[in-house]
Amino acid sequence: MTLVVRRASLSMIAAAACLAGCASTQLDAQWADPQLVSGQPLRGARVLVVCESPDQVLRRVCTDQMTAQLVSVGAVPVPAPDVGDGANSPPGGPAPYVAAARTANAKAVLVTAIAPNGSVAKPGFTLGVGLGGFGGNVGGGVGVSVPMGGTKVETGYAANASITDVASGRLMWTARASEAASADVNAQVSALSKAVVAGALKAGLF
């Protein structure tokens, strides 16, 4: 009996681990130039990493996550200087970064724009107080519900990414990924970075 219980417990743990680890952010949409993505052109190549967002923290987190993901697929990431709060270059048109990429001897530029994609308001919990009869001696009662705490707003973020060939200036690949609203923004950016690089890997760039 003990052996059967242990086996059942291990099966449940394995199933839970699979649900936690196998679920991942997927790309909402992507496009690739078949002439530029075949043959793993960026495996082992230097790639300039640019992250755009009005929020400096998001830019820094994005840069760190993208750098780590590029290393994992065999590329050599080159973080670009911080682009500042006012940067708003559209994905697929990283003209301001091409010169920096050439200076860094990078073969491509990966530009990722992180922006809010939607928000969800979650009200605070409520405290309920009820007064009723005991032992059947009292009929009727009073109920009071009091809201505790304010409304909390959680935001979901999206990533619009593009990879551009430095030599020709042509767009190689572009994609969009999004995350559901949550309080853990760092985890969202991490998931978005993984989805973007995994998509580029599947497209044949690495």
N, C-alpha and C. Protein backbone atom coordinates (compact mmCIF):
# COMPACT_ATOMS: atom_id res chain seq x y z
N MET A 1 0.83 -1.20 0.00
CA MET A 1 0.00 0.00 0.00
C MET A 1 0.86 1.25 0.00
N THR A 2 1.93 1.24 0.83
CA THR A 2 2.82 2.40 0.91
C THR A 2 3.47 2.68 -0.43
N LEU A 3 3.89 1.61 -1.14
CA LEU A 3 4.54 1.77 -2.44
C LEU A 3 3.58 2.38 -3.45
N VAL A 4 2.33 1.94 -3.41
CA VAL A 4 1.33 2.46 -4.34
C VAL A 4 1.10 3.95 -4.09
N VAL A 5 1.02 4.33 -2.80
CA VAL A 5 0.79 5.74 -2.45
C VAL A 5 1.96 6.59 -2.90
N ARG A 6 3.19 6.08 -2.69
CA ARG A 6 4.36 6.85 -3.09
C ARG A 6 4.40 7.04 -4.60
N ARG A 7 4.07 5.98 -5.35
CA ARG A 7 4.05 6.10 -6.80
C ARG A 7 3.01 7.11 -7.26
N ALA A 8 1.85 7.09 -6.62
CA ALA A 8 0.80 8.04 -6.98
C ALA A 8 1.25 9.46 -6.68
N SER A 9 1.94 9.65 -5.54
CA SER A 9 2.42 10.98 -5.18
C SER A 9 3.44 11.48 -6.18
N LEU A 10 4.36 10.59 -6.59
CA LEU A 10 5.37 10.98 -7.58
C LEU A 10 4.73 11.35 -8.90
N SER A 11 3.69 10.61 -9.29
CA SER A 11 3.00 10.92 -10.54
C SER A 11 2.34 12.29 -10.48
N MET A 12 1.75 12.62 -9.32
CA MET A 12 1.11 13.92 -9.17
C MET A 12 2.14 15.03 -9.21
N ILE A 13 3.30 14.82 -8.57
CA ILE A 13 4.36 15.83 -8.58
C ILE A 13 4.87 16.05 -9.99
N ALA A 14 5.06 14.95 -10.73
CA ALA A 14 5.55 15.07 -12.11
C ALA A 14 4.55 15.81 -12.98
N ALA A 15 3.27 15.52 -12.79
CA ALA A 15 2.24 16.20 -13.58
C ALA A 15 2.21 17.69 -13.27
N ALA A 16 2.34 18.04 -11.98
CA ALA A 16 2.35 19.45 -11.60
C ALA A 16 3.56 20.16 -12.17
N ALA A 17 4.71 19.48 -12.15
CA ALA A 17 5.92 20.08 -12.70
C ALA A 17 5.78 20.33 -14.19
N CYS A 18 5.13 19.40 -14.88
CA CYS A 18 4.93 19.56 -16.32
C CYS A 18 4.01 20.74 -16.61
N LEU A 19 2.95 20.86 -15.82
CA LEU A 19 2.03 21.97 -16.03
C LEU A 19 2.73 23.30 -15.80
N ALA A 20 3.62 23.35 -14.80
CA ALA A 20 4.32 24.59 -14.49
C ALA A 20 5.41 24.88 -15.49
N GLY A 21 6.12 23.85 -15.91
CA GLY A 21 7.27 24.06 -16.77
C GLY A 21 6.97 24.04 -18.25
N CYS A 22 5.96 23.28 -18.66
CA CYS A 22 5.69 23.13 -20.08
C CYS A 22 4.87 24.31 -20.63
N ALA A 23 4.05 24.90 -19.76
CA ALA A 23 3.26 26.04 -20.23
C ALA A 23 4.18 27.21 -20.48
N SER A 24 4.10 27.84 -21.64
CA SER A 24 4.97 28.95 -21.96
C SER A 24 4.24 29.94 -22.84
N THR A 25 4.77 31.16 -22.86
CA THR A 25 4.19 32.21 -23.69
C THR A 25 4.43 31.89 -25.16
N GLN A 26 3.41 32.06 -25.97
CA GLN A 26 3.52 31.80 -27.40
C GLN A 26 3.48 33.12 -28.16
N LEU A 27 4.03 33.12 -29.35
CA LEU A 27 3.98 34.31 -30.20
C LEU A 27 2.55 34.52 -30.70
N ASP A 28 2.10 35.77 -30.68
CA ASP A 28 0.79 36.10 -31.24
C ASP A 28 0.83 36.08 -32.76
N ALA A 29 1.94 36.54 -33.32
CA ALA A 29 2.10 36.57 -34.78
C ALA A 29 3.57 36.76 -35.10
N GLN A 30 3.99 36.31 -36.27
CA GLN A 30 5.37 36.50 -36.69
C GLN A 30 5.47 36.50 -38.21
N TRP A 31 6.56 37.07 -38.72
CA TRP A 31 6.83 37.10 -40.16
C TRP A 31 8.33 36.97 -40.35
N ALA A 32 8.74 36.29 -41.41
CA ALA A 32 10.17 36.11 -41.70
C ALA A 32 10.41 36.23 -43.20
N ASP A 33 11.58 36.74 -43.55
CA ASP A 33 12.01 36.79 -44.95
C ASP A 33 12.74 35.48 -45.24
N PRO A 34 12.16 34.59 -46.03
CA PRO A 34 12.77 33.28 -46.26
C PRO A 34 14.17 33.36 -46.86
N GLN A 35 14.48 34.43 -47.55
CA GLN A 35 15.80 34.57 -48.16
C GLN A 35 16.88 34.91 -47.13
N LEU A 36 16.45 35.42 -45.97
CA LEU A 36 17.43 35.88 -44.98
C LEU A 36 17.51 35.01 -43.73
N VAL A 37 16.55 34.13 -43.52
CA VAL A 37 16.54 33.36 -42.27
C VAL A 37 17.03 31.93 -42.43
N SER A 38 17.24 31.48 -43.63
CA SER A 38 17.64 30.08 -43.82
C SER A 38 19.12 29.89 -43.49
N GLY A 39 19.43 28.69 -42.99
CA GLY A 39 20.82 28.34 -42.73
C GLY A 39 21.40 28.88 -41.44
N GLN A 40 20.55 29.24 -40.48
CA GLN A 40 21.01 29.74 -39.18
C GLN A 40 22.05 30.86 -39.33
N PRO A 41 21.71 31.96 -39.98
CA PRO A 41 22.68 33.01 -40.26
C PRO A 41 23.23 33.72 -39.03
N LEU A 42 22.52 33.64 -37.89
CA LEU A 42 22.97 34.37 -36.71
C LEU A 42 23.56 33.49 -35.62
N ARG A 43 23.70 32.20 -35.90
CA ARG A 43 24.34 31.33 -34.90
C ARG A 43 25.82 31.70 -34.82
N GLY A 44 26.25 32.06 -33.63
CA GLY A 44 27.64 32.47 -33.41
C GLY A 44 27.93 33.90 -33.81
N ALA A 45 26.91 34.61 -34.31
CA ALA A 45 27.11 35.98 -34.78
C ALA A 45 26.86 36.98 -33.65
N ARG A 46 27.43 38.16 -33.80
CA ARG A 46 27.20 39.24 -32.85
C ARG A 46 25.88 39.93 -33.20
N VAL A 47 25.05 40.13 -32.17
CA VAL A 47 23.73 40.73 -32.36
C VAL A 47 23.59 41.90 -31.39
N LEU A 48 23.32 43.08 -31.93
CA LEU A 48 23.10 44.25 -31.08
C LEU A 48 21.72 44.15 -30.45
N VAL A 49 21.65 44.30 -29.13
CA VAL A 49 20.39 44.16 -28.39
C VAL A 49 19.89 45.54 -27.97
N VAL A 50 18.70 45.88 -28.44
CA VAL A 50 18.09 47.17 -28.11
C VAL A 50 16.71 46.91 -27.51
N CYS A 51 16.43 47.52 -26.36
CA CYS A 51 15.11 47.42 -25.75
C CYS A 51 14.53 48.82 -25.60
N GLU A 52 13.29 48.97 -26.04
CA GLU A 52 12.61 50.26 -25.99
C GLU A 52 11.42 50.21 -25.05
N SER A 53 11.33 51.22 -24.19
CA SER A 53 10.20 51.37 -23.28
C SER A 53 10.32 52.74 -22.62
N PRO A 54 9.20 53.38 -22.30
CA PRO A 54 9.28 54.64 -21.56
C PRO A 54 9.82 54.45 -20.15
N ASP A 55 9.82 53.21 -19.67
CA ASP A 55 10.24 52.89 -18.31
C ASP A 55 11.66 52.34 -18.32
N GLN A 56 12.56 52.99 -17.58
CA GLN A 56 13.96 52.56 -17.57
C GLN A 56 14.12 51.16 -17.00
N VAL A 57 13.36 50.85 -15.96
CA VAL A 57 13.47 49.52 -15.35
C VAL A 57 13.11 48.44 -16.36
N LEU A 58 12.03 48.65 -17.12
CA LEU A 58 11.64 47.67 -18.13
C LEU A 58 12.72 47.52 -19.19
N ARG A 59 13.35 48.62 -19.57
CA ARG A 59 14.42 48.53 -20.57
C ARG A 59 15.58 47.70 -20.05
N ARG A 60 15.95 47.92 -18.80
CA ARG A 60 17.07 47.18 -18.22
C ARG A 60 16.75 45.70 -18.08
N VAL A 61 15.56 45.41 -17.58
CA VAL A 61 15.17 44.00 -17.42
C VAL A 61 15.10 43.32 -18.78
N CYS A 62 14.53 43.99 -19.75
CA CYS A 62 14.43 43.45 -21.10
C CYS A 62 15.81 43.16 -21.68
N THR A 63 16.73 44.10 -21.53
CA THR A 63 18.09 43.91 -22.06
C THR A 63 18.77 42.71 -21.42
N ASP A 64 18.64 42.59 -20.10
CA ASP A 64 19.26 41.45 -19.40
C ASP A 64 18.66 40.13 -19.88
N GLN A 65 17.33 40.09 -20.00
CA GLN A 65 16.67 38.85 -20.40
C GLN A 65 16.97 38.48 -21.85
N MET A 66 16.95 39.45 -22.74
CA MET A 66 17.26 39.18 -24.14
C MET A 66 18.71 38.72 -24.31
N THR A 67 19.60 39.34 -23.56
CA THR A 67 21.01 38.95 -23.62
C THR A 67 21.18 37.49 -23.21
N ALA A 68 20.53 37.11 -22.11
CA ALA A 68 20.63 35.73 -21.64
C ALA A 68 20.04 34.75 -22.64
N GLN A 69 18.91 35.10 -23.24
CA GLN A 69 18.27 34.20 -24.20
C GLN A 69 19.09 34.04 -25.47
N LEU A 70 19.73 35.11 -25.92
CA LEU A 70 20.57 35.01 -27.12
C LEU A 70 21.78 34.11 -26.87
N VAL A 71 22.36 34.22 -25.69
CA VAL A 71 23.48 33.34 -25.34
C VAL A 71 23.04 31.89 -25.39
N SER A 72 21.82 31.62 -24.94
CA SER A 72 21.33 30.24 -24.88
C SER A 72 21.14 29.62 -26.26
N VAL A 73 21.02 30.45 -27.31
CA VAL A 73 20.83 29.90 -28.67
C VAL A 73 22.10 30.03 -29.51
N GLY A 74 23.20 30.39 -28.87
CA GLY A 74 24.48 30.39 -29.57
C GLY A 74 24.88 31.68 -30.23
N ALA A 75 24.17 32.77 -29.94
CA ALA A 75 24.55 34.08 -30.49
C ALA A 75 25.46 34.81 -29.51
N VAL A 76 26.03 35.91 -29.97
CA VAL A 76 26.89 36.74 -29.12
C VAL A 76 26.20 38.10 -28.96
N PRO A 77 25.46 38.30 -27.87
CA PRO A 77 24.73 39.55 -27.70
C PRO A 77 25.65 40.72 -27.37
N VAL A 78 25.32 41.87 -27.93
CA VAL A 78 26.05 43.11 -27.63
C VAL A 78 25.01 44.13 -27.18
N PRO A 79 24.85 44.34 -25.86
CA PRO A 79 23.86 45.31 -25.39
C PRO A 79 24.18 46.71 -25.89
N ALA A 80 23.17 47.37 -26.45
CA ALA A 80 23.35 48.74 -26.92
C ALA A 80 23.28 49.70 -25.75
N PRO A 81 23.85 50.88 -25.88
CA PRO A 81 23.68 51.90 -24.84
C PRO A 81 22.20 52.18 -24.62
N ASP A 82 21.83 52.53 -23.40
CA ASP A 82 20.43 52.78 -23.09
C ASP A 82 19.86 53.85 -24.01
N VAL A 83 18.70 53.57 -24.60
CA VAL A 83 18.13 54.47 -25.60
C VAL A 83 17.37 55.63 -25.00
N GLY A 84 17.14 55.61 -23.69
CA GLY A 84 16.47 56.73 -23.04
C GLY A 84 14.96 56.60 -23.01
N ASP A 85 14.32 57.47 -22.22
CA ASP A 85 12.88 57.38 -22.01
C ASP A 85 12.07 57.77 -23.23
N GLY A 86 12.64 58.58 -24.11
CA GLY A 86 11.86 59.08 -25.23
C GLY A 86 11.89 58.20 -26.46
N ALA A 87 12.61 57.07 -26.41
CA ALA A 87 12.75 56.23 -27.60
C ALA A 87 11.41 55.60 -27.97
N ASN A 88 11.08 55.67 -29.22
CA ASN A 88 9.83 55.07 -29.69
C ASN A 88 9.95 54.68 -31.15
N SER A 89 11.08 54.05 -31.50
CA SER A 89 11.29 53.62 -32.88
C SER A 89 10.42 52.41 -33.16
N PRO A 90 9.67 52.38 -34.25
CA PRO A 90 8.80 51.24 -34.53
C PRO A 90 9.60 49.99 -34.82
N PRO A 91 9.15 48.81 -34.33
CA PRO A 91 9.85 47.57 -34.64
C PRO A 91 9.96 47.36 -36.14
N GLY A 92 11.10 46.90 -36.60
CA GLY A 92 11.30 46.69 -38.02
C GLY A 92 11.98 47.86 -38.69
N GLY A 93 12.16 48.97 -37.99
CA GLY A 93 12.84 50.13 -38.56
C GLY A 93 13.89 50.69 -37.64
N PRO A 94 14.90 49.90 -37.28
CA PRO A 94 15.90 50.34 -36.31
C PRO A 94 17.03 51.16 -36.94
N ALA A 95 16.69 52.10 -37.81
CA ALA A 95 17.71 52.89 -38.49
C ALA A 95 18.68 53.57 -37.53
N PRO A 96 18.22 54.12 -36.39
CA PRO A 96 19.16 54.78 -35.49
C PRO A 96 20.21 53.84 -34.90
N TYR A 97 19.96 52.53 -34.94
CA TYR A 97 20.86 51.58 -34.29
C TYR A 97 21.82 50.89 -35.25
N VAL A 98 21.60 51.04 -36.53
CA VAL A 98 22.44 50.34 -37.51
C VAL A 98 23.89 50.80 -37.43
N ALA A 99 24.10 52.10 -37.28
CA ALA A 99 25.46 52.62 -37.17
C ALA A 99 26.17 52.06 -35.95
N ALA A 100 25.45 52.00 -34.82
CA ALA A 100 26.03 51.43 -33.61
C ALA A 100 26.34 49.95 -33.79
N ALA A 101 25.47 49.25 -34.53
CA ALA A 101 25.70 47.83 -34.79
C ALA A 101 26.96 47.62 -35.63
N ARG A 102 27.16 48.47 -36.62
CA ARG A 102 28.35 48.35 -37.45
C ARG A 102 29.61 48.63 -36.65
N THR A 103 29.53 49.62 -35.77
CA THR A 103 30.67 49.94 -34.91
C THR A 103 31.01 48.75 -34.01
N ALA A 104 29.98 48.04 -33.57
CA ALA A 104 30.18 46.88 -32.68
C ALA A 104 30.45 45.60 -33.46
N ASN A 105 30.59 45.71 -34.79
CA ASN A 105 30.80 44.53 -35.64
C ASN A 105 29.67 43.51 -35.49
N ALA A 106 28.46 44.01 -35.29
CA ALA A 106 27.30 43.12 -35.16
C ALA A 106 26.72 42.82 -36.53
N LYS A 107 26.23 41.61 -36.69
CA LYS A 107 25.64 41.19 -37.96
C LYS A 107 24.17 41.56 -38.06
N ALA A 108 23.53 41.71 -36.91
CA ALA A 108 22.09 42.01 -36.90
C ALA A 108 21.75 42.87 -35.69
N VAL A 109 20.58 43.48 -35.76
CA VAL A 109 20.06 44.29 -34.65
C VAL A 109 18.73 43.69 -34.20
N LEU A 110 18.64 43.37 -32.92
CA LEU A 110 17.39 42.89 -32.33
C LEU A 110 16.79 44.04 -31.52
N VAL A 111 15.67 44.56 -32.00
CA VAL A 111 14.97 45.65 -31.30
C VAL A 111 13.69 45.08 -30.70
N THR A 112 13.50 45.30 -29.40
CA THR A 112 12.30 44.83 -28.71
C THR A 112 11.64 46.00 -28.00
N ALA A 113 10.40 46.28 -28.35
CA ALA A 113 9.63 47.33 -27.70
C ALA A 113 8.66 46.69 -26.71
N ILE A 114 8.80 47.06 -25.44
CA ILE A 114 7.93 46.55 -24.38
C ILE A 114 6.91 47.63 -24.03
N ALA A 115 5.63 47.28 -24.08
CA ALA A 115 4.58 48.27 -23.81
C ALA A 115 3.38 47.59 -23.14
N PRO A 116 2.60 48.35 -22.36
CA PRO A 116 1.39 47.79 -21.76
C PRO A 116 0.43 47.30 -22.83
N ASN A 117 -0.23 46.18 -22.53
CA ASN A 117 -1.14 45.57 -23.50
C ASN A 117 -2.57 45.52 -22.98
N GLY A 118 -2.75 45.82 -21.70
CA GLY A 118 -4.08 45.76 -21.11
C GLY A 118 -3.98 45.69 -19.60
N SER A 119 -4.99 46.18 -18.92
CA SER A 119 -4.98 46.20 -17.46
C SER A 119 -6.25 45.56 -16.91
N VAL A 120 -6.13 45.00 -15.72
CA VAL A 120 -7.26 44.37 -15.05
C VAL A 120 -7.36 44.94 -13.64
N ALA A 121 -8.53 45.42 -13.26
CA ALA A 121 -8.75 45.95 -11.92
C ALA A 121 -9.24 44.83 -11.01
N LYS A 122 -8.55 44.68 -9.89
CA LYS A 122 -8.93 43.65 -8.92
C LYS A 122 -9.27 44.33 -7.59
N PRO A 123 -10.56 44.32 -7.21
CA PRO A 123 -10.96 44.98 -5.96
C PRO A 123 -10.40 44.26 -4.75
N GLY A 124 -10.26 45.02 -3.66
CA GLY A 124 -9.80 44.42 -2.42
C GLY A 124 -10.82 43.44 -1.86
N PHE A 125 -10.39 42.62 -0.89
CA PHE A 125 -11.29 41.62 -0.34
C PHE A 125 -12.34 42.29 0.56
N THR A 126 -13.44 41.57 0.83
CA THR A 126 -14.50 42.10 1.68
C THR A 126 -14.61 41.30 2.96
N LEU A 127 -15.04 41.98 4.01
CA LEU A 127 -15.24 41.34 5.31
C LEU A 127 -16.73 41.27 5.58
N GLY A 128 -17.25 40.07 5.79
CA GLY A 128 -18.68 39.89 6.03
C GLY A 128 -18.96 39.63 7.50
N VAL A 129 -19.95 40.30 8.06
CA VAL A 129 -20.34 40.11 9.46
C VAL A 129 -21.82 39.75 9.48
N GLY A 130 -22.17 38.63 10.14
CA GLY A 130 -23.56 38.21 10.18
C GLY A 130 -24.03 37.97 11.60
N LEU A 131 -25.25 38.34 11.89
CA LEU A 131 -25.86 38.09 13.20
C LEU A 131 -27.13 37.28 12.98
N GLY A 132 -27.23 36.14 13.62
CA GLY A 132 -28.40 35.29 13.42
C GLY A 132 -28.85 34.67 14.73
N GLY A 133 -29.81 33.77 14.66
CA GLY A 133 -30.35 33.15 15.85
C GLY A 133 -29.53 31.95 16.28
N PHE A 134 -29.62 31.60 17.54
CA PHE A 134 -28.94 30.44 18.08
C PHE A 134 -29.97 29.52 18.71
N GLY A 135 -29.90 28.25 18.44
CA GLY A 135 -30.79 27.29 19.04
C GLY A 135 -32.23 27.42 18.59
N GLY A 136 -32.44 28.16 17.52
CA GLY A 136 -33.81 28.30 17.00
C GLY A 136 -34.65 29.29 17.78
N ASN A 137 -34.06 30.02 18.75
CA ASN A 137 -34.84 30.94 19.57
C ASN A 137 -35.05 32.29 18.90
N VAL A 138 -34.16 32.65 17.96
CA VAL A 138 -34.27 33.95 17.32
C VAL A 138 -34.37 33.76 15.83
N GLY A 139 -35.34 34.39 15.21
CA GLY A 139 -35.50 34.31 13.77
C GLY A 139 -35.03 35.60 13.12
N GLY A 140 -34.54 35.52 11.91
CA GLY A 140 -34.07 36.72 11.23
C GLY A 140 -32.62 36.99 11.56
N GLY A 141 -32.05 38.03 10.94
CA GLY A 141 -30.64 38.35 11.18
C GLY A 141 -30.24 39.56 10.37
N VAL A 142 -29.01 40.00 10.61
CA VAL A 142 -28.46 41.16 9.92
C VAL A 142 -27.12 40.78 9.32
N GLY A 143 -26.88 41.16 8.07
CA GLY A 143 -25.60 40.88 7.42
C GLY A 143 -24.97 42.18 6.93
N VAL A 144 -23.67 42.32 7.16
CA VAL A 144 -22.95 43.52 6.75
C VAL A 144 -21.72 43.10 5.97
N SER A 145 -21.50 43.71 4.81
CA SER A 145 -20.32 43.44 4.01
C SER A 145 -19.53 44.73 3.85
N VAL A 146 -18.29 44.73 4.31
CA VAL A 146 -17.47 45.93 4.29
C VAL A 146 -16.25 45.71 3.41
N PRO A 147 -16.02 46.55 2.37
CA PRO A 147 -14.81 46.38 1.54
C PRO A 147 -13.55 46.73 2.31
N MET A 148 -12.54 45.93 2.18
CA MET A 148 -11.26 46.15 2.86
C MET A 148 -10.18 46.37 1.80
N GLY A 149 -9.52 47.51 1.85
CA GLY A 149 -8.45 47.77 0.89
C GLY A 149 -8.98 48.34 -0.41
N GLY A 150 -8.09 48.99 -1.17
CA GLY A 150 -8.49 49.61 -2.42
C GLY A 150 -8.39 48.66 -3.59
N THR A 151 -8.78 49.15 -4.75
CA THR A 151 -8.71 48.36 -5.98
C THR A 151 -7.28 48.30 -6.48
N LYS A 152 -6.83 47.13 -6.87
CA LYS A 152 -5.48 46.93 -7.38
C LYS A 152 -5.54 46.71 -8.88
N VAL A 153 -4.72 47.44 -9.61
CA VAL A 153 -4.69 47.33 -11.06
C VAL A 153 -3.43 46.58 -11.49
N GLU A 154 -3.61 45.51 -12.24
CA GLU A 154 -2.49 44.75 -12.77
C GLU A 154 -2.45 44.90 -14.29
N THR A 155 -1.25 45.01 -14.82
CA THR A 155 -1.07 45.27 -16.25
C THR A 155 -0.38 44.11 -16.95
N GLY A 156 -0.87 43.78 -18.13
CA GLY A 156 -0.20 42.80 -18.97
C GLY A 156 0.62 43.53 -20.03
N TYR A 157 1.78 42.98 -20.36
CA TYR A 157 2.68 43.63 -21.31
C TYR A 157 2.82 42.82 -22.59
N ALA A 158 3.19 43.52 -23.65
CA ALA A 158 3.44 42.88 -24.94
C ALA A 158 4.81 43.29 -25.45
N ALA A 159 5.39 42.43 -26.27
CA ALA A 159 6.69 42.71 -26.87
C ALA A 159 6.56 42.68 -28.39
N ASN A 160 6.96 43.75 -29.03
CA ASN A 160 7.06 43.78 -30.49
C ASN A 160 8.55 43.75 -30.83
N ALA A 161 8.98 42.71 -31.50
CA ALA A 161 10.41 42.53 -31.75
C ALA A 161 10.71 42.44 -33.24
N SER A 162 11.91 42.86 -33.60
CA SER A 162 12.36 42.74 -34.99
C SER A 162 13.85 42.45 -35.02
N ILE A 163 14.26 41.70 -36.01
CA ILE A 163 15.68 41.43 -36.25
C ILE A 163 16.00 41.91 -37.66
N THR A 164 16.97 42.81 -37.76
CA THR A 164 17.33 43.43 -39.04
C THR A 164 18.77 43.13 -39.40
N ASP A 165 18.99 42.80 -40.65
CA ASP A 165 20.33 42.54 -41.16
C ASP A 165 21.08 43.87 -41.30
N VAL A 166 22.26 43.95 -40.69
CA VAL A 166 23.00 45.21 -40.69
C VAL A 166 23.56 45.54 -42.07
N ALA A 167 24.08 44.55 -42.76
CA ALA A 167 24.73 44.79 -44.05
C ALA A 167 23.78 45.36 -45.09
N SER A 168 22.58 44.79 -45.17
CA SER A 168 21.62 45.21 -46.20
C SER A 168 20.56 46.17 -45.69
N GLY A 169 20.37 46.20 -44.35
CA GLY A 169 19.31 47.01 -43.78
C GLY A 169 17.93 46.40 -43.93
N ARG A 170 17.86 45.15 -44.37
CA ARG A 170 16.58 44.48 -44.60
C ARG A 170 16.08 43.80 -43.33
N LEU A 171 14.77 43.81 -43.20
CA LEU A 171 14.13 43.13 -42.08
C LEU A 171 14.21 41.62 -42.29
N MET A 172 14.76 40.92 -41.31
CA MET A 172 14.88 39.47 -41.39
C MET A 172 13.67 38.76 -40.80
N TRP A 173 13.21 39.29 -39.66
CA TRP A 173 12.16 38.59 -38.91
C TRP A 173 11.52 39.58 -37.95
N THR A 174 10.23 39.44 -37.72
CA THR A 174 9.53 40.27 -36.74
C THR A 174 8.42 39.47 -36.11
N ALA A 175 8.11 39.77 -34.86
CA ALA A 175 7.10 39.00 -34.14
C ALA A 175 6.52 39.82 -33.00
N ARG A 176 5.39 39.33 -32.52
CA ARG A 176 4.72 39.95 -31.38
C ARG A 176 4.30 38.87 -30.40
N ALA A 177 4.53 39.15 -29.11
CA ALA A 177 4.11 38.24 -28.04
C ALA A 177 3.46 39.07 -26.95
N SER A 178 2.54 38.47 -26.20
CA SER A 178 1.86 39.20 -25.13
C SER A 178 1.67 38.29 -23.92
N GLU A 179 1.54 38.94 -22.77
CA GLU A 179 1.34 38.24 -21.51
C GLU A 179 0.05 38.70 -20.84
N ALA A 180 -0.56 37.82 -20.09
CA ALA A 180 -1.75 38.19 -19.32
C ALA A 180 -1.35 39.12 -18.17
N ALA A 181 -2.28 39.93 -17.74
CA ALA A 181 -2.01 40.88 -16.66
C ALA A 181 -1.63 40.14 -15.38
N SER A 182 -0.59 40.64 -14.72
CA SER A 182 -0.17 40.08 -13.43
C SER A 182 0.65 41.12 -12.70
N ALA A 183 0.88 40.88 -11.41
CA ALA A 183 1.65 41.81 -10.60
C ALA A 183 3.15 41.64 -10.80
N ASP A 184 3.59 40.51 -11.33
CA ASP A 184 5.01 40.22 -11.50
C ASP A 184 5.46 40.64 -12.90
N VAL A 185 5.87 41.89 -13.03
CA VAL A 185 6.28 42.41 -14.34
C VAL A 185 7.58 41.77 -14.80
N ASN A 186 8.51 41.53 -13.87
CA ASN A 186 9.77 40.89 -14.24
C ASN A 186 9.54 39.52 -14.89
N ALA A 187 8.61 38.76 -14.30
CA ALA A 187 8.30 37.44 -14.86
C ALA A 187 7.68 37.58 -16.25
N GLN A 188 6.87 38.61 -16.45
CA GLN A 188 6.28 38.83 -17.78
C GLN A 188 7.36 39.11 -18.82
N VAL A 189 8.30 40.00 -18.48
CA VAL A 189 9.36 40.35 -19.43
C VAL A 189 10.23 39.14 -19.72
N SER A 190 10.48 38.33 -18.69
CA SER A 190 11.26 37.11 -18.89
C SER A 190 10.56 36.16 -19.86
N ALA A 191 9.25 35.98 -19.66
CA ALA A 191 8.49 35.09 -20.54
C ALA A 191 8.43 35.63 -21.96
N LEU A 192 8.27 36.93 -22.10
CA LEU A 192 8.23 37.54 -23.43
C LEU A 192 9.56 37.37 -24.15
N SER A 193 10.66 37.55 -23.42
CA SER A 193 11.99 37.40 -24.02
C SER A 193 12.21 35.98 -24.50
N LYS A 194 11.81 35.01 -23.69
CA LYS A 194 11.95 33.61 -24.08
C LYS A 194 11.13 33.31 -25.32
N ALA A 195 9.91 33.84 -25.37
CA ALA A 195 9.04 33.58 -26.52
C ALA A 195 9.62 34.18 -27.79
N VAL A 196 10.15 35.39 -27.70
CA VAL A 196 10.71 36.06 -28.88
C VAL A 196 11.90 35.29 -29.43
N VAL A 197 12.85 34.97 -28.56
CA VAL A 197 14.06 34.28 -29.03
C VAL A 197 13.74 32.86 -29.48
N ALA A 198 12.82 32.19 -28.78
CA ALA A 198 12.41 30.85 -29.21
C ALA A 198 11.77 30.89 -30.59
N GLY A 199 10.99 31.94 -30.85
CA GLY A 199 10.38 32.08 -32.16
C GLY A 199 11.41 32.31 -33.25
N ALA A 200 12.41 33.14 -32.95
CA ALA A 200 13.48 33.38 -33.92
C ALA A 200 14.30 32.12 -34.17
N LEU A 201 14.49 31.33 -33.11
CA LEU A 201 15.21 30.06 -33.25
C LEU A 201 14.43 29.11 -34.15
N LYS A 202 13.12 29.02 -33.91
CA LYS A 202 12.29 28.13 -34.71
C LYS A 202 12.22 28.58 -36.17
N ALA A 203 12.32 29.88 -36.38
CA ALA A 203 12.28 30.41 -37.75
C ALA A 203 13.56 30.11 -38.52
N GLY A 204 14.61 29.68 -37.81
CA GLY A 204 15.85 29.29 -38.47
C GLY A 204 16.98 30.29 -38.39
N LEU A 205 16.81 31.34 -37.57
CA LEU A 205 17.84 32.37 -37.48
C LEU A 205 19.06 31.92 -36.69
N PHE A 206 18.85 31.02 -35.71
CA PHE A 206 19.96 30.58 -34.85
C PHE A 206 20.16 29.07 -34.96
